[in-house]
Amino acid sequence: MSSDFEAYEQEFGTLTAEITNRIGRIPKLGGEDKTQLVLNVDKQLEEVRELLEQMDLEVREIPIQSRAMYNSRLKSYKQEVEKLEKDF
């Protein structure tokens, strides 16, 4: 089961890197390009929130002796998403 969590972590890393890149590009754009990029970032933020929900469900299935480590990682990821949303 932890392998599913780790697959989610890889997807999380890819998504958050793309979001960070796009958020950095927003101020440099104008008009329709900016609007489209904002919509894309908003969609990706929704995807990453759904991914966090999947990760949370996965953690619940992990044996108790390993669960604390995964909960800690999940908490860190949630904080990262909160920061991205704030920056957005």
PDB file of N, CA and C in Angstrom:
ATOM      1  N   MET A   1       0.805  -1.203   0.000  1.00  0.00           N
ATOM      2  CA  MET A   1       0.000   0.000   0.000  1.00  0.00           C
ATOM      3  C   MET A   1       0.842   1.258   0.000  1.00  0.00           C
ATOM      4  N   SER A   2       1.970   1.208   0.670  1.00  0.00           N
ATOM      5  CA  SER A   2       2.813   2.395   0.680  1.00  0.00           C
ATOM      6  C   SER A   2       3.312   2.720  -0.719  1.00  0.00           C
ATOM      7  N   SER A   3       3.373   1.719  -1.606  1.00  0.00           N
ATOM      8  CA  SER A   3       3.791   1.993  -2.979  1.00  0.00           C
ATOM      9  C   SER A   3       2.760   2.867  -3.693  1.00  0.00           C
ATOM     10  N   ASP A   4       1.474   2.688  -3.375  1.00  0.00           N
ATOM     11  CA  ASP A   4       0.450   3.577  -3.928  1.00  0.00           C
ATOM     12  C   ASP A   4       0.664   4.995  -3.410  1.00  0.00           C
ATOM     13  N   PHE A   5       0.950   5.118  -2.137  1.00  0.00           N
ATOM     14  CA  PHE A   5       1.202   6.427  -1.549  1.00  0.00           C
ATOM     15  C   PHE A   5       2.397   7.076  -2.241  1.00  0.00           C
ATOM     16  N   GLU A   6       3.442   6.300  -2.461  1.00  0.00           N
ATOM     17  CA  GLU A   6       4.637   6.836  -3.105  1.00  0.00           C
ATOM     18  C   GLU A   6       4.363   7.238  -4.552  1.00  0.00           C
ATOM     19  N   ALA A   7       3.492   6.527  -5.234  1.00  0.00           N
ATOM     20  CA  ALA A   7       3.099   6.924  -6.589  1.00  0.00           C
ATOM     21  C   ALA A   7       2.344   8.253  -6.536  1.00  0.00           C
ATOM     22  N   TYR A   8       1.481   8.401  -5.536  1.00  0.00           N
ATOM     23  CA  TYR A   8       0.777   9.669  -5.351  1.00  0.00           C
ATOM     24  C   TYR A   8       1.773  10.789  -5.053  1.00  0.00           C
ATOM     25  N   GLU A   9       2.801  10.480  -4.278  1.00  0.00           N
ATOM     26  CA  GLU A   9       3.820  11.486  -3.971  1.00  0.00           C
ATOM     27  C   GLU A   9       4.517  11.964  -5.240  1.00  0.00           C
ATOM     28  N   GLN A  10       4.826  11.056  -6.131  1.00  0.00           N
ATOM     29  CA  GLN A  10       5.474  11.449  -7.388  1.00  0.00           C
ATOM     30  C   GLN A  10       4.560  12.350  -8.201  1.00  0.00           C
ATOM     31  N   GLU A  11       3.304  11.985  -8.292  1.00  0.00           N
ATOM     32  CA  GLU A  11       2.339  12.809  -9.017  1.00  0.00           C
ATOM     33  C   GLU A  11       2.191  14.174  -8.348  1.00  0.00           C
ATOM     34  N   PHE A  12       2.183  14.181  -7.018  1.00  0.00           N
ATOM     35  CA  PHE A  12       2.097  15.428  -6.261  1.00  0.00           C
ATOM     36  C   PHE A  12       3.281  16.334  -6.603  1.00  0.00           C
ATOM     37  N   GLY A  13       4.482  15.763  -6.617  1.00  0.00           N
ATOM     38  CA  GLY A  13       5.678  16.543  -6.932  1.00  0.00           C
ATOM     39  C   GLY A  13       5.618  17.155  -8.317  1.00  0.00           C
ATOM     40  N   THR A  14       5.160  16.385  -9.278  1.00  0.00           N
ATOM     41  CA  THR A  14       5.042  16.882 -10.650  1.00  0.00           C
ATOM     42  C   THR A  14       4.019  18.007 -10.737  1.00  0.00           C
ATOM     43  N   LEU A  15       2.857  17.787 -10.149  1.00  0.00           N
ATOM     44  CA  LEU A  15       1.796  18.795 -10.189  1.00  0.00           C
ATOM     45  C   LEU A  15       2.203  20.089  -9.494  1.00  0.00           C
ATOM     46  N   THR A  16       2.781  19.978  -8.308  1.00  0.00           N
ATOM     47  CA  THR A  16       3.144  21.194  -7.577  1.00  0.00           C
ATOM     48  C   THR A  16       4.259  21.957  -8.286  1.00  0.00           C
ATOM     49  N   ALA A  17       5.166  21.252  -8.952  1.00  0.00           N
ATOM     50  CA  ALA A  17       6.215  21.932  -9.719  1.00  0.00           C
ATOM     51  C   ALA A  17       5.597  22.709 -10.880  1.00  0.00           C
ATOM     52  N   GLU A  18       4.641  22.097 -11.571  1.00  0.00           N
ATOM     53  CA  GLU A  18       3.956  22.784 -12.671  1.00  0.00           C
ATOM     54  C   GLU A  18       3.185  23.997 -12.160  1.00  0.00           C
ATOM     55  N   ILE A  19       2.498  23.833 -11.046  1.00  0.00           N
ATOM     56  CA  ILE A  19       1.724  24.935 -10.474  1.00  0.00           C
ATOM     57  C   ILE A  19       2.646  26.085 -10.098  1.00  0.00           C
ATOM     58  N   THR A  20       3.753  25.771  -9.438  1.00  0.00           N
ATOM     59  CA  THR A  20       4.707  26.803  -9.032  1.00  0.00           C
ATOM     60  C   THR A  20       5.220  27.563 -10.249  1.00  0.00           C
ATOM     61  N   ASN A  21       5.564  26.837 -11.293  1.00  0.00           N
ATOM     62  CA  ASN A  21       6.055  27.454 -12.521  1.00  0.00           C
ATOM     63  C   ASN A  21       5.000  28.378 -13.113  1.00  0.00           C
ATOM     64  N   ARG A  22       3.783  27.912 -13.179  1.00  0.00           N
ATOM     65  CA  ARG A  22       2.711  28.712 -13.784  1.00  0.00           C
ATOM     66  C   ARG A  22       2.361  29.933 -12.940  1.00  0.00           C
ATOM     67  N   ILE A  23       2.352  29.776 -11.633  1.00  0.00           N
ATOM     68  CA  ILE A  23       2.071  30.928 -10.765  1.00  0.00           C
ATOM     69  C   ILE A  23       3.122  32.010 -10.993  1.00  0.00           C
ATOM     70  N   GLY A  24       4.367  31.598 -11.171  1.00  0.00           N
ATOM     71  CA  GLY A  24       5.440  32.555 -11.427  1.00  0.00           C
ATOM     72  C   GLY A  24       5.301  33.273 -12.756  1.00  0.00           C
ATOM     73  N   ARG A  25       4.639  32.658 -13.717  1.00  0.00           N
ATOM     74  CA  ARG A  25       4.471  33.260 -15.043  1.00  0.00           C
ATOM     75  C   ARG A  25       3.265  34.193 -15.131  1.00  0.00           C
ATOM     76  N   ILE A  26       2.309  34.052 -14.237  1.00  0.00           N
ATOM     77  CA  ILE A  26       1.064  34.830 -14.317  1.00  0.00           C
ATOM     78  C   ILE A  26       1.305  36.339 -14.362  1.00  0.00           C
ATOM     79  N   PRO A  27       2.138  36.911 -13.475  1.00  0.00           N
ATOM     80  CA  PRO A  27       2.306  38.369 -13.498  1.00  0.00           C
ATOM     81  C   PRO A  27       2.903  38.907 -14.805  1.00  0.00           C
ATOM     82  N   LYS A  28       3.582  38.055 -15.554  1.00  0.00           N
ATOM     83  CA  LYS A  28       4.245  38.498 -16.782  1.00  0.00           C
ATOM     84  C   LYS A  28       3.315  38.501 -17.987  1.00  0.00           C
ATOM     85  N   LEU A  29       2.133  37.953 -17.829  1.00  0.00           N
ATOM     86  CA  LEU A  29       1.198  37.829 -18.944  1.00  0.00           C
ATOM     87  C   LEU A  29       0.061  38.831 -18.825  1.00  0.00           C
ATOM     88  N   GLY A  30      -0.658  38.977 -19.902  1.00  0.00           N
ATOM     89  CA  GLY A  30      -1.821  39.843 -19.907  1.00  0.00           C
ATOM     90  C   GLY A  30      -2.910  39.252 -20.776  1.00  0.00           C
ATOM     91  N   GLY A  31      -4.085  39.819 -20.676  1.00  0.00           N
ATOM     92  CA  GLY A  31      -5.191  39.436 -21.535  1.00  0.00           C
ATOM     93  C   GLY A  31      -5.601  37.987 -21.432  1.00  0.00           C
ATOM     94  N   GLU A  32      -5.892  37.421 -22.608  1.00  0.00           N
ATOM     95  CA  GLU A  32      -6.398  36.048 -22.689  1.00  0.00           C
ATOM     96  C   GLU A  32      -5.379  35.027 -22.202  1.00  0.00           C
ATOM     97  N   ASP A  33      -4.089  35.277 -22.460  1.00  0.00           N
ATOM     98  CA  ASP A  33      -3.049  34.349 -21.996  1.00  0.00           C
ATOM     99  C   ASP A  33      -3.064  34.236 -20.475  1.00  0.00           C
ATOM    100  N   LYS A  34      -3.190  35.379 -19.821  1.00  0.00           N
ATOM    101  CA  LYS A  34      -3.222  35.385 -18.355  1.00  0.00           C
ATOM    102  C   LYS A  34      -4.473  34.667 -17.845  1.00  0.00           C
ATOM    103  N   THR A  35      -5.608  34.966 -18.453  1.00  0.00           N
ATOM    104  CA  THR A  35      -6.863  34.334 -18.048  1.00  0.00           C
ATOM    105  C   THR A  35      -6.778  32.818 -18.185  1.00  0.00           C
ATOM    106  N   GLN A  36      -6.239  32.361 -19.309  1.00  0.00           N
ATOM    107  CA  GLN A  36      -6.119  30.924 -19.551  1.00  0.00           C
ATOM    108  C   GLN A  36      -5.188  30.270 -18.540  1.00  0.00           C
ATOM    109  N   LEU A  37      -4.077  30.933 -18.236  1.00  0.00           N
ATOM    110  CA  LEU A  37      -3.123  30.379 -17.280  1.00  0.00           C
ATOM    111  C   LEU A  37      -3.731  30.309 -15.880  1.00  0.00           C
ATOM    112  N   VAL A  38      -4.473  31.329 -15.500  1.00  0.00           N
ATOM    113  CA  VAL A  38      -5.145  31.332 -14.194  1.00  0.00           C
ATOM    114  C   VAL A  38      -6.136  30.170 -14.110  1.00  0.00           C
ATOM    115  N   LEU A  39      -6.886  29.952 -15.181  1.00  0.00           N
ATOM    116  CA  LEU A  39      -7.830  28.829 -15.197  1.00  0.00           C
ATOM    117  C   LEU A  39      -7.102  27.493 -15.093  1.00  0.00           C
ATOM    118  N   ASN A  40      -5.967  27.377 -15.777  1.00  0.00           N
ATOM    119  CA  ASN A  40      -5.175  26.143 -15.709  1.00  0.00           C
ATOM    120  C   ASN A  40      -4.651  25.894 -14.302  1.00  0.00           C
ATOM    121  N   VAL A  41      -4.153  26.938 -13.662  1.00  0.00           N
ATOM    122  CA  VAL A  41      -3.633  26.799 -12.301  1.00  0.00           C
ATOM    123  C   VAL A  41      -4.759  26.403 -11.354  1.00  0.00           C
ATOM    124  N   ASP A  42      -5.904  27.035 -11.522  1.00  0.00           N
ATOM    125  CA  ASP A  42      -7.048  26.709 -10.668  1.00  0.00           C
ATOM    126  C   ASP A  42      -7.433  25.235 -10.823  1.00  0.00           C
ATOM    127  N   LYS A  43      -7.442  24.747 -12.050  1.00  0.00           N
ATOM    128  CA  LYS A  43      -7.763  23.343 -12.312  1.00  0.00           C
ATOM    129  C   LYS A  43      -6.714  22.423 -11.683  1.00  0.00           C
ATOM    130  N   GLN A  44      -5.446  22.778 -11.814  1.00  0.00           N
ATOM    131  CA  GLN A  44      -4.389  21.947 -11.236  1.00  0.00           C
ATOM    132  C   GLN A  44      -4.437  21.959  -9.711  1.00  0.00           C
ATOM    133  N   LEU A  45      -4.795  23.087  -9.119  1.00  0.00           N
ATOM    134  CA  LEU A  45      -4.937  23.131  -7.663  1.00  0.00           C
ATOM    135  C   LEU A  45      -6.058  22.193  -7.213  1.00  0.00           C
ATOM    136  N   GLU A  46      -7.123  22.132  -7.975  1.00  0.00           N
ATOM    137  CA  GLU A  46      -8.210  21.201  -7.653  1.00  0.00           C
ATOM    138  C   GLU A  46      -7.718  19.758  -7.774  1.00  0.00           C
ATOM    139  N   GLU A  47      -6.938  19.478  -8.807  1.00  0.00           N
ATOM    140  CA  GLU A  47      -6.379  18.132  -8.981  1.00  0.00           C
ATOM    141  C   GLU A  47      -5.491  17.750  -7.801  1.00  0.00           C
ATOM    142  N   VAL A  48      -4.672  18.690  -7.347  1.00  0.00           N
ATOM    143  CA  VAL A  48      -3.749  18.381  -6.255  1.00  0.00           C
ATOM    144  C   VAL A  48      -4.510  18.199  -4.944  1.00  0.00           C
ATOM    145  N   ARG A  49      -5.605  18.938  -4.763  1.00  0.00           N
ATOM    146  CA  ARG A  49      -6.433  18.736  -3.565  1.00  0.00           C
ATOM    147  C   ARG A  49      -7.074  17.344  -3.589  1.00  0.00           C
ATOM    148  N   GLU A  50      -7.537  16.916  -4.758  1.00  0.00           N
ATOM    149  CA  GLU A  50      -8.102  15.571  -4.883  1.00  0.00           C
ATOM    150  C   GLU A  50      -7.031  14.508  -4.629  1.00  0.00           C
ATOM    151  N   LEU A  51      -5.840  14.770  -5.095  1.00  0.00           N
ATOM    152  CA  LEU A  51      -4.735  13.847  -4.867  1.00  0.00           C
ATOM    153  C   LEU A  51      -4.437  13.721  -3.371  1.00  0.00           C
ATOM    154  N   LEU A  52      -4.478  14.840  -2.655  1.00  0.00           N
ATOM    155  CA  LEU A  52      -4.273  14.803  -1.203  1.00  0.00           C
ATOM    156  C   LEU A  52      -5.353  13.963  -0.518  1.00  0.00           C
ATOM    157  N   GLU A  53      -6.570  14.048  -1.015  1.00  0.00           N
ATOM    158  CA  GLU A  53      -7.645  13.225  -0.451  1.00  0.00           C
ATOM    159  C   GLU A  53      -7.349  11.745  -0.665  1.00  0.00           C
ATOM    160  N   GLN A  54      -6.867  11.399  -1.854  1.00  0.00           N
ATOM    161  CA  GLN A  54      -6.501  10.009  -2.132  1.00  0.00           C
ATOM    162  C   GLN A  54      -5.361   9.550  -1.225  1.00  0.00           C
ATOM    163  N   MET A  55      -4.397  10.434  -1.022  1.00  0.00           N
ATOM    164  CA  MET A  55      -3.269  10.106  -0.149  1.00  0.00           C
ATOM    165  C   MET A  55      -3.757   9.890   1.280  1.00  0.00           C
ATOM    166  N   ASP A  56      -4.692  10.722   1.712  1.00  0.00           N
ATOM    167  CA  ASP A  56      -5.249  10.592   3.059  1.00  0.00           C
ATOM    168  C   ASP A  56      -5.947   9.238   3.223  1.00  0.00           C
ATOM    169  N   LEU A  57      -6.706   8.846   2.225  1.00  0.00           N
ATOM    170  CA  LEU A  57      -7.363   7.534   2.271  1.00  0.00           C
ATOM    171  C   LEU A  57      -6.337   6.407   2.289  1.00  0.00           C
ATOM    172  N   GLU A  58      -5.280   6.568   1.537  1.00  0.00           N
ATOM    173  CA  GLU A  58      -4.233   5.545   1.482  1.00  0.00           C
ATOM    174  C   GLU A  58      -3.541   5.395   2.838  1.00  0.00           C
ATOM    175  N   VAL A  59      -3.288   6.509   3.507  1.00  0.00           N
ATOM    176  CA  VAL A  59      -2.628   6.477   4.814  1.00  0.00           C
ATOM    177  C   VAL A  59      -3.463   5.682   5.814  1.00  0.00           C
ATOM    178  N   ARG A  60      -4.754   5.785   5.712  1.00  0.00           N
ATOM    179  CA  ARG A  60      -5.635   5.059   6.640  1.00  0.00           C
ATOM    180  C   ARG A  60      -5.506   3.546   6.502  1.00  0.00           C
ATOM    181  N   GLU A  61      -5.026   3.095   5.349  1.00  0.00           N
ATOM    182  CA  GLU A  61      -4.867   1.661   5.095  1.00  0.00           C
ATOM    183  C   GLU A  61      -3.477   1.143   5.462  1.00  0.00           C
ATOM    184  N   ILE A  62      -2.572   2.047   5.781  1.00  0.00           N
ATOM    185  CA  ILE A  62      -1.197   1.658   6.119  1.00  0.00           C
ATOM    186  C   ILE A  62      -1.169   1.141   7.557  1.00  0.00           C
ATOM    187  N   PRO A  63      -0.395   0.095   7.827  1.00  0.00           N
ATOM    188  CA  PRO A  63      -0.302  -0.425   9.200  1.00  0.00           C
ATOM    189  C   PRO A  63       0.078   0.669  10.203  1.00  0.00           C
ATOM    190  N   ILE A  64      -0.473   0.546  11.390  1.00  0.00           N
ATOM    191  CA  ILE A  64      -0.310   1.574  12.426  1.00  0.00           C
ATOM    192  C   ILE A  64       1.148   1.918  12.693  1.00  0.00           C
ATOM    193  N   GLN A  65       2.031   0.931  12.704  1.00  0.00           N
ATOM    194  CA  GLN A  65       3.430   1.198  13.030  1.00  0.00           C
ATOM    195  C   GLN A  65       4.107   2.117  12.005  1.00  0.00           C
ATOM    196  N   SER A  66       3.593   2.195  10.793  1.00  0.00           N
ATOM    197  CA  SER A  66       4.170   3.058   9.752  1.00  0.00           C
ATOM    198  C   SER A  66       3.347   4.320   9.516  1.00  0.00           C
ATOM    199  N   ARG A  67       2.163   4.356  10.051  1.00  0.00           N
ATOM    200  CA  ARG A  67       1.218   5.423   9.731  1.00  0.00           C
ATOM    201  C   ARG A  67       1.704   6.814  10.127  1.00  0.00           C
ATOM    202  N   ALA A  68       2.372   6.946  11.266  1.00  0.00           N
ATOM    203  CA  ALA A  68       2.806   8.267  11.737  1.00  0.00           C
ATOM    204  C   ALA A  68       3.734   8.936  10.727  1.00  0.00           C
ATOM    205  N   MET A  69       4.644   8.166  10.155  1.00  0.00           N
ATOM    206  CA  MET A  69       5.576   8.721   9.173  1.00  0.00           C
ATOM    207  C   MET A  69       4.811   9.253   7.956  1.00  0.00           C
ATOM    208  N   TYR A  70       3.849   8.486   7.475  1.00  0.00           N
ATOM    209  CA  TYR A  70       3.081   8.906   6.304  1.00  0.00           C
ATOM    210  C   TYR A  70       2.166  10.084   6.629  1.00  0.00           C
ATOM    211  N   ASN A  71       1.607  10.097   7.832  1.00  0.00           N
ATOM    212  CA  ASN A  71       0.790  11.237   8.252  1.00  0.00           C
ATOM    213  C   ASN A  71       1.611  12.513   8.289  1.00  0.00           C
ATOM    214  N   SER A  72       2.843  12.408   8.742  1.00  0.00           N
ATOM    215  CA  SER A  72       3.732  13.562   8.791  1.00  0.00           C
ATOM    216  C   SER A  72       4.014  14.085   7.383  1.00  0.00           C
ATOM    217  N   ARG A  73       4.281  13.181   6.473  1.00  0.00           N
ATOM    218  CA  ARG A  73       4.536  13.584   5.090  1.00  0.00           C
ATOM    219  C   ARG A  73       3.293  14.219   4.478  1.00  0.00           C
ATOM    220  N   LEU A  74       2.139  13.631   4.737  1.00  0.00           N
ATOM    221  CA  LEU A  74       0.889  14.165   4.211  1.00  0.00           C
ATOM    222  C   LEU A  74       0.624  15.565   4.752  1.00  0.00           C
ATOM    223  N   LYS A  75       0.883  15.761   6.028  1.00  0.00           N
ATOM    224  CA  LYS A  75       0.697  17.082   6.634  1.00  0.00           C
ATOM    225  C   LYS A  75       1.586  18.112   5.943  1.00  0.00           C
ATOM    226  N   SER A  76       2.816  17.732   5.666  1.00  0.00           N
ATOM    227  CA  SER A  76       3.747  18.617   4.969  1.00  0.00           C
ATOM    228  C   SER A  76       3.230  18.973   3.573  1.00  0.00           C
ATOM    229  N   TYR A  77       2.681  17.997   2.877  1.00  0.00           N
ATOM    230  CA  TYR A  77       2.143  18.246   1.540  1.00  0.00           C
ATOM    231  C   TYR A  77       0.942  19.182   1.598  1.00  0.00           C
ATOM    232  N   LYS A  78       0.108  19.013   2.603  1.00  0.00           N
ATOM    233  CA  LYS A  78      -1.051  19.891   2.757  1.00  0.00           C
ATOM    234  C   LYS A  78      -0.605  21.328   3.001  1.00  0.00           C
ATOM    235  N   GLN A  79       0.445  21.498   3.800  1.00  0.00           N
ATOM    236  CA  GLN A  79       0.974  22.837   4.053  1.00  0.00           C
ATOM    237  C   GLN A  79       1.539  23.450   2.772  1.00  0.00           C
ATOM    238  N   GLU A  80       2.178  22.625   1.963  1.00  0.00           N
ATOM    239  CA  GLU A  80       2.723  23.101   0.694  1.00  0.00           C
ATOM    240  C   GLU A  80       1.602  23.593  -0.228  1.00  0.00           C
ATOM    241  N   VAL A  81       0.505  22.863  -0.272  1.00  0.00           N
ATOM    242  CA  VAL A  81      -0.625  23.267  -1.110  1.00  0.00           C
ATOM    243  C   VAL A  81      -1.245  24.560  -0.574  1.00  0.00           C
ATOM    244  N   GLU A  82      -1.357  24.681   0.737  1.00  0.00           N
ATOM    245  CA  GLU A  82      -1.880  25.918   1.322  1.00  0.00           C
ATOM    246  C   GLU A  82      -1.020  27.105   0.917  1.00  0.00           C
ATOM    247  N   LYS A  83       0.291  26.926   0.900  1.00  0.00           N
ATOM    248  CA  LYS A  83       1.198  27.999   0.486  1.00  0.00           C
ATOM    249  C   LYS A  83       0.995  28.331  -0.992  1.00  0.00           C
ATOM    250  N   LEU A  84       0.855  27.320  -1.823  1.00  0.00           N
ATOM    251  CA  LEU A  84       0.613  27.561  -3.250  1.00  0.00           C
ATOM    252  C   LEU A  84      -0.689  28.335  -3.453  1.00  0.00           C
ATOM    253  N   GLU A  85      -1.731  27.952  -2.729  1.00  0.00           N
ATOM    254  CA  GLU A  85      -3.014  28.648  -2.849  1.00  0.00           C
ATOM    255  C   GLU A  85      -2.887  30.093  -2.392  1.00  0.00           C
ATOM    256  N   LYS A  86      -2.114  30.321  -1.364  1.00  0.00           N
ATOM    257  CA  LYS A  86      -1.894  31.681  -0.873  1.00  0.00           C
ATOM    258  C   LYS A  86      -1.126  32.505  -1.907  1.00  0.00           C
ATOM    259  N   ASP A  87      -0.104  31.901  -2.507  1.00  0.00           N
ATOM    260  CA  ASP A  87       0.691  32.601  -3.519  1.00  0.00           C
ATOM    261  C   ASP A  87      -0.123  32.898  -4.771  1.00  0.00           C
ATOM    262  N   PHE A  88      -1.101  32.057  -5.050  1.00  0.00           N
ATOM    263  CA  PHE A  88      -1.930  32.184  -6.235  1.00  0.00           C
ATOM    264  C   PHE A  88      -2.892  33.335  -6.065  1.00  0.00           C
TER     265      PHE A  88
END
